[in-house]
C-alpha cells in the first residue's frame, strides 16, 4: 500500500520553472533547518545556491509546511523572508544570521 505524501488539494508557490516540474529548485538546496513549528505546521529555513536567473547568489528564506489529513497540504514561502547574500563558498555549519 502506497501512502500519499501530499493531500489532493496540495498547494505551493515554490516551483517557478516548468521543467522538470516541481524539482527545478530542489537540487540547489545546500542547507535546511527547522526554525518553528506547531501541531499542524513547520517552518524551515532554506539556503539555496540559486541559478543564473538570480545572478548566482545565495538565497536564504523560510518555507512554511502545513499538514492535514496525514499528509502535506501546502508548502509556501513565508512572505518577506528572502535574503540574497553575495556568492561565496558554502561550508557545513555556516551561520547565515537568520
Protein backbone atom coordinates (compact mmCIF):
# COMPACT_ATOMS: atom_id res chain seq x y z
CA UNK A 1 0.00 0.00 0.00
CA UNK A 2 1.39 3.37 -1.04
CA UNK A 3 0.69 6.42 1.11
CA UNK A 4 0.43 9.87 -0.49
CA UNK A 5 2.87 12.48 0.76
CA UNK A 6 0.58 15.37 -0.20
CA UNK A 7 -3.17 15.92 0.02
CA UNK A 8 -5.28 16.01 -3.16
CA UNK A 9 -5.67 19.80 -2.76
CA UNK A 10 -1.92 20.42 -2.24
CA UNK A 11 -0.78 24.00 -2.92
CA UNK A 12 2.68 25.51 -3.33
CA UNK A 13 4.38 28.62 -4.65
CA UNK A 14 7.89 27.14 -4.76
CA UNK A 15 8.03 25.91 -8.35
CA UNK A 16 8.75 28.79 -10.67
CA UNK A 17 10.02 26.84 -13.66
CA UNK A 18 8.23 24.39 -15.93
CA UNK A 19 10.74 21.57 -16.41
CA UNK A 20 11.41 19.36 -14.64
CA UNK A 21 8.12 20.15 -12.95
CA UNK A 22 8.44 20.52 -9.24
CA UNK A 23 12.13 19.78 -8.96
CA UNK A 24 13.88 22.74 -10.58
CA UNK A 25 14.85 24.47 -7.33
CA UNK A 26 15.22 21.38 -5.16
CA UNK A 27 18.74 20.49 -6.37
CA UNK A 28 20.06 23.89 -5.29
CA UNK A 29 19.30 23.45 -1.58
CA UNK A 30 22.51 23.30 0.45
CA UNK A 31 21.12 23.63 3.97
CA UNK A 32 17.79 23.41 5.76
CA UNK A 33 16.84 23.78 9.39
CA UNK A 34 13.50 23.71 11.22
CA UNK A 35 13.04 27.06 12.96
CA UNK A 36 9.44 26.94 14.25
CA UNK A 37 6.52 24.57 14.46
CA UNK A 38 3.04 23.83 15.74
CA UNK A 39 0.86 20.71 15.73
CA UNK A 40 -0.13 21.38 12.11
CA UNK A 41 2.79 23.33 10.59
CA UNK A 42 6.56 23.51 10.33
CA UNK A 43 8.67 26.49 9.26
CA UNK A 44 12.03 25.63 7.71
CA UNK A 45 14.96 27.92 6.87
CA UNK A 46 16.20 27.02 3.39
CA UNK A 47 19.58 28.04 1.98
CA UNK A 48 19.99 27.72 -1.79
CA UNK A 49 22.64 28.39 -4.38
CA UNK A 50 20.32 29.97 -6.89
CA UNK A 51 20.54 29.80 -10.66
CA UNK A 52 21.68 32.24 -13.33
CA UNK A 53 18.26 33.90 -13.31
CA UNK A 54 19.19 35.21 -9.85
CA UNK A 55 22.81 36.08 -10.74
CA UNK A 56 24.30 33.10 -8.87
CA UNK A 57 23.74 34.46 -5.39
CA UNK A 58 22.92 32.56 -2.25
CA UNK A 59 19.30 32.86 -1.13
CA UNK A 60 18.10 32.31 2.43
CA UNK A 61 14.34 32.14 3.02
CA UNK A 62 11.74 30.39 5.11
CA UNK A 63 9.19 27.88 3.86
CA UNK A 64 6.05 27.02 5.78
CA UNK A 65 4.75 23.44 5.58
CA UNK A 66 1.10 22.90 6.62
CA UNK A 67 -0.09 19.38 7.45
CA UNK A 68 -3.54 17.83 7.44
CA UNK A 69 -5.26 14.56 6.61
CA UNK A 70 -2.00 12.76 7.40
CA UNK A 71 -0.13 14.49 4.57
CA UNK A 72 1.28 17.87 3.46
CA UNK A 73 -1.46 20.35 2.48
CA UNK A 74 0.82 23.19 1.38
CA UNK A 75 4.38 24.43 1.17
CA UNK A 76 4.74 28.16 0.66
CA UNK A 77 7.43 30.78 1.02
CA UNK A 78 6.93 32.91 4.13
CA UNK A 79 6.45 36.43 2.70
CA UNK A 80 9.31 38.91 3.05
CA UNK A 81 11.83 36.35 4.33
CA UNK A 82 14.04 36.02 1.23
CA UNK A 83 17.51 37.47 1.63
CA UNK A 84 20.23 37.31 -1.02
CA UNK A 85 23.85 37.00 0.03
CA UNK A 86 26.88 37.61 -2.15
CA UNK A 87 28.18 34.41 -3.68
CA UNK A 88 30.84 32.64 -1.67
CA UNK A 89 31.84 29.08 -0.93
CA UNK A 90 29.34 27.49 1.43
CA UNK A 91 30.58 25.15 4.08
CA UNK A 92 28.91 22.91 6.68
CA UNK A 93 27.98 24.70 9.88
CA UNK A 94 27.82 28.16 8.29
CA UNK A 95 25.77 30.67 10.28
CA UNK A 96 23.53 32.64 7.94
CA UNK A 97 22.30 35.00 10.65
CA UNK A 98 18.64 34.27 10.01
